[in-house]
Amino acid sequence: MIDDIGTVVSWPRLAERLRGSSGIPLLELRGSWDNRPPMATPQHGVFLLMHLPDRQWLLEQPIGTTRLVGDAGVQASISGGEVRVHTGEAGWVQEPAGMVAAPTAWFTNDAEIEVLEIPGRETVAGRGCSRFLVSYSRHSQRRMMLWLDDEWPLVLAARSVDPGPRERARFEMAVTEVRMATDSQVRRCTRIVVDTLREGAVPVTY
């Protein structure tokens, strides 16, 4: 049970912080997620995210298979050997790992979004994090707890806070490992991003 005790935070202010990807170094992040819809088969996955130059991301899911590349403005997904282009943050909102790469895509910019910063610090993947409880709207029971890295504008874990009794959360995502990217990783992944975006007919200037 979550006690709604904390400091009220402006959603626009938190969203601005989350969009500050220029403050994130070149990283390799590994993690996993679980989705447990009430009327469907539970789903589980593992992922690898690479944060690259020019605010680009590469998502492998399963690890070793490129699934999505791009930034917060344009993405290209690969499914069944075909490349599909997404604008805005539409590609990221379809992926649990998008909670890391583009967390604001999961929430509307509704002025009624309410945010509480929960007292205390916790550790995720060896990094100190602050907790934020995000209520989608005053008129909705949908809420999400976010663990935000204290140094970088990165959500390292997220868990739905569901109404009513549930044995386990409907949605959970957590980064389990954070490493600085190597030069060879950056070169290889950047080439994949460039080639995939070009295959989707997205103009690439780098």
Protein backbone atom coordinates (compact mmCIF):
# COMPACT_ATOMS: atom_id res chain seq x y z
CA MET A 1 0.00 0.00 0.00
CA ILE A 2 1.25 3.48 -0.88
CA ASP A 3 0.67 6.31 1.57
CA ASP A 4 0.19 9.54 -0.37
CA ILE A 5 2.74 11.40 1.72
CA GLY A 6 5.23 13.52 -0.14
CA THR A 7 6.04 16.84 -1.72
CA VAL A 8 3.85 18.07 -4.56
CA VAL A 9 5.86 18.53 -7.75
CA SER A 10 4.79 20.32 -10.91
CA TRP A 11 4.31 17.85 -13.77
CA PRO A 12 5.62 20.31 -16.42
CA ARG A 13 8.74 20.81 -14.29
CA LEU A 14 9.31 17.05 -13.90
CA ALA A 15 8.60 16.47 -17.60
CA GLU A 16 11.18 19.11 -18.53
CA ARG A 17 13.73 17.33 -16.35
CA LEU A 18 12.92 13.97 -17.94
CA ARG A 19 13.42 15.39 -21.43
CA GLY A 20 16.96 16.53 -20.60
CA SER A 21 18.64 13.66 -22.44
CA SER A 22 21.65 15.85 -23.27
CA GLY A 23 22.71 15.34 -19.65
CA ILE A 24 22.92 11.56 -20.06
CA PRO A 25 26.31 10.06 -20.95
CA LEU A 26 26.78 7.33 -23.54
CA LEU A 27 25.40 4.28 -21.75
CA GLU A 28 24.48 0.62 -22.00
CA LEU A 29 21.45 -0.29 -19.91
CA ARG A 30 20.00 -3.76 -19.43
CA GLY A 31 16.67 -4.49 -17.84
CA SER A 32 13.44 -6.42 -17.81
CA TRP A 33 9.71 -5.81 -17.71
CA ASP A 34 6.47 -7.58 -16.87
CA ASN A 35 2.99 -6.75 -18.10
CA ARG A 36 0.08 -8.53 -16.41
CA PRO A 37 -3.21 -7.49 -18.05
CA PRO A 38 -6.24 -8.60 -16.03
CA MET A 39 -7.89 -10.42 -18.95
CA ALA A 40 -4.89 -11.59 -20.97
CA THR A 41 -1.78 -13.73 -20.75
CA PRO A 42 1.05 -12.13 -18.75
CA GLN A 43 4.04 -10.96 -20.78
CA HIS A 44 7.72 -10.75 -19.84
CA GLY A 45 10.71 -9.39 -21.67
CA VAL A 46 14.35 -8.39 -21.33
CA PHE A 47 15.99 -5.51 -23.16
CA LEU A 48 19.20 -3.65 -23.87
CA LEU A 49 19.17 0.11 -24.42
CA MET A 50 22.09 2.09 -25.79
CA HIS A 51 22.19 5.86 -25.33
CA LEU A 52 24.18 7.28 -28.25
CA PRO A 53 25.39 10.66 -29.56
CA ASP A 54 22.82 13.23 -30.72
CA ARG A 55 20.25 11.92 -28.18
CA GLN A 56 19.73 8.75 -30.19
CA TRP A 57 18.69 5.46 -28.61
CA LEU A 58 18.89 1.86 -29.79
CA LEU A 59 16.63 -0.79 -28.28
CA GLU A 60 17.38 -4.50 -28.54
CA GLN A 61 14.52 -6.76 -27.51
CA PRO A 62 15.21 -9.58 -27.11
CA ILE A 63 18.85 -8.76 -26.54
CA GLY A 64 20.72 -9.17 -29.82
CA THR A 65 17.74 -8.18 -31.98
CA THR A 66 17.27 -4.53 -32.95
CA ARG A 67 13.67 -3.49 -32.29
CA LEU A 68 13.60 0.33 -32.27
CA VAL A 69 16.00 3.18 -32.96
CA GLY A 70 15.69 6.96 -32.85
CA ASP A 71 15.22 9.92 -30.57
CA ALA A 72 12.20 11.65 -29.04
CA GLY A 73 11.14 13.07 -32.40
CA VAL A 74 11.46 10.24 -34.94
CA GLN A 75 11.89 6.49 -34.49
CA ALA A 76 12.12 3.50 -36.78
CA SER A 77 10.95 0.08 -35.59
CA ILE A 78 11.83 -3.26 -37.12
CA SER A 79 9.26 -6.05 -37.20
CA GLY A 80 9.19 -9.04 -39.50
CA GLY A 81 12.07 -7.58 -41.48
CA GLU A 82 10.14 -4.40 -42.25
CA VAL A 83 11.00 -0.89 -41.07
CA ARG A 84 8.21 1.36 -39.85
CA VAL A 85 8.67 5.05 -39.03
CA HIS A 86 7.05 6.74 -36.01
CA THR A 87 6.86 10.46 -35.31
CA GLY A 88 6.71 12.23 -31.99
CA GLU A 89 7.24 9.64 -29.27
CA ALA A 90 4.78 7.15 -30.80
CA GLY A 91 7.36 4.40 -31.18
CA TRP A 92 8.56 4.58 -27.59
CA VAL A 93 5.11 4.50 -26.01
CA GLN A 94 4.62 1.01 -27.45
CA GLU A 95 7.71 -0.36 -25.70
CA PRO A 96 8.16 -0.92 -21.94
CA ALA A 97 11.78 0.24 -22.32
CA GLY A 98 10.35 3.50 -23.64
CA MET A 99 9.80 4.37 -19.99
CA VAL A 100 13.58 4.88 -19.93
CA ALA A 101 14.16 6.42 -23.37
CA ALA A 102 11.04 8.64 -23.51
CA PRO A 103 9.13 8.51 -20.20
CA THR A 104 6.92 11.51 -20.95
CA ALA A 105 5.41 9.56 -23.86
CA TRP A 106 3.58 7.44 -21.30
CA PHE A 107 1.70 10.40 -19.85
CA THR A 108 -0.35 13.11 -21.52
CA ASN A 109 0.53 16.74 -20.95
CA ASP A 110 -2.75 17.17 -19.11
CA ALA A 111 -2.57 19.99 -16.58
CA GLU A 112 -4.42 17.72 -14.17
CA ILE A 113 -1.54 15.25 -13.82
CA GLU A 114 -0.50 15.17 -10.18
CA VAL A 115 2.98 14.26 -8.94
CA LEU A 116 4.24 13.54 -5.43
CA GLU A 117 7.92 13.15 -4.60
CA ILE A 118 8.02 10.40 -1.98
CA PRO A 119 10.46 10.94 0.94
CA GLY A 120 13.66 8.89 1.07
CA ARG A 121 16.07 7.45 -1.48
CA GLU A 122 16.29 3.96 -2.97
CA THR A 123 18.86 2.16 -5.12
CA VAL A 124 18.20 0.74 -8.59
CA ALA A 125 21.00 -0.98 -10.53
CA GLY A 126 23.48 0.39 -8.01
CA ARG A 127 22.39 4.01 -8.50
CA GLY A 128 20.64 6.34 -6.07
CA CYS A 129 17.11 7.25 -7.07
CA SER A 130 14.25 9.47 -5.95
CA ARG A 131 10.68 8.19 -6.13
CA PHE A 132 7.83 10.03 -7.81
CA LEU A 133 4.19 8.93 -7.72
CA VAL A 134 2.46 10.12 -10.90
CA SER A 135 -1.34 10.23 -11.03
CA TYR A 136 -2.54 10.42 -14.61
CA SER A 137 -5.47 12.67 -13.65
CA ARG A 138 -7.48 13.78 -10.63
CA HIS A 139 -10.34 11.81 -12.13
CA SER A 140 -8.42 8.57 -12.76
CA GLN A 141 -7.25 5.77 -10.49
CA ARG A 142 -4.27 5.09 -12.77
CA ARG A 143 -0.96 5.82 -11.07
CA MET A 144 2.69 4.98 -11.72
CA MET A 145 5.65 5.02 -9.35
CA LEU A 146 8.87 6.17 -11.02
CA TRP A 147 12.41 5.74 -9.72
CA LEU A 148 14.38 8.67 -11.15
CA ASP A 149 18.19 8.65 -11.13
CA ASP A 150 19.54 11.35 -8.81
CA GLU A 151 22.29 12.37 -11.26
CA TRP A 152 20.88 11.79 -14.74
CA PRO A 153 17.37 12.43 -16.10
CA LEU A 154 16.70 8.70 -16.39
CA VAL A 155 13.81 6.61 -15.10
CA LEU A 156 15.49 3.42 -13.92
CA ALA A 157 12.36 1.65 -12.69
CA ALA A 158 8.59 2.01 -12.91
CA ARG A 159 5.70 0.17 -11.33
CA SER A 160 1.97 0.65 -11.67
CA VAL A 161 0.12 1.42 -8.46
CA ASP A 162 -3.14 -0.35 -9.06
CA PRO A 163 -6.51 0.20 -7.39
CA GLY A 164 -7.89 -2.66 -5.37
CA PRO A 165 -6.06 -5.76 -4.10
CA ARG A 166 -3.57 -7.35 -6.51
CA GLU A 167 -0.93 -9.95 -5.80
CA ARG A 168 1.53 -8.29 -8.18
CA ALA A 169 1.63 -4.98 -10.04
CA ARG A 170 0.01 -4.86 -13.45
CA PHE A 171 3.16 -3.33 -14.96
CA GLU A 172 6.76 -3.36 -13.79
CA MET A 173 9.98 -2.29 -15.50
CA ALA A 174 13.45 -2.11 -14.01
CA VAL A 175 16.95 -1.45 -15.25
CA THR A 176 19.22 -4.06 -13.70
CA GLU A 177 22.60 -3.01 -15.06
CA VAL A 178 24.12 0.35 -16.06
CA ARG A 179 27.47 0.61 -17.81
CA MET A 180 29.36 3.28 -19.70
CA ALA A 181 29.29 2.44 -23.41
CA THR A 182 32.56 1.50 -25.07
CA ASP A 183 33.81 3.22 -28.22
CA SER A 184 33.24 0.07 -30.27
CA GLN A 185 29.67 -0.24 -29.00
CA VAL A 186 28.95 3.38 -29.87
CA ARG A 187 30.33 3.00 -33.41
CA ARG A 188 28.45 -0.24 -34.08
CA CYS A 189 25.13 0.96 -32.64
CA THR A 190 25.33 4.39 -34.29
CA ARG A 191 25.79 2.67 -37.66
CA ILE A 192 22.70 0.53 -37.00
CA VAL A 193 20.69 3.63 -36.11
CA VAL A 194 21.80 5.50 -39.24
CA ASP A 195 21.17 2.55 -41.55
CA THR A 196 17.76 1.78 -40.04
CA LEU A 197 16.54 5.37 -40.21
CA ARG A 198 17.71 5.65 -43.82
CA GLU A 199 15.95 2.42 -44.69
CA GLY A 200 12.79 4.01 -43.30
CA ALA A 201 13.42 7.04 -45.57
CA VAL A 202 14.19 9.28 -42.59
CA PRO A 203 16.70 12.01 -43.54
CA VAL A 204 19.94 11.50 -41.58
CA THR A 205 22.58 14.21 -41.42
CA TYR A 206 25.27 12.55 -39.28
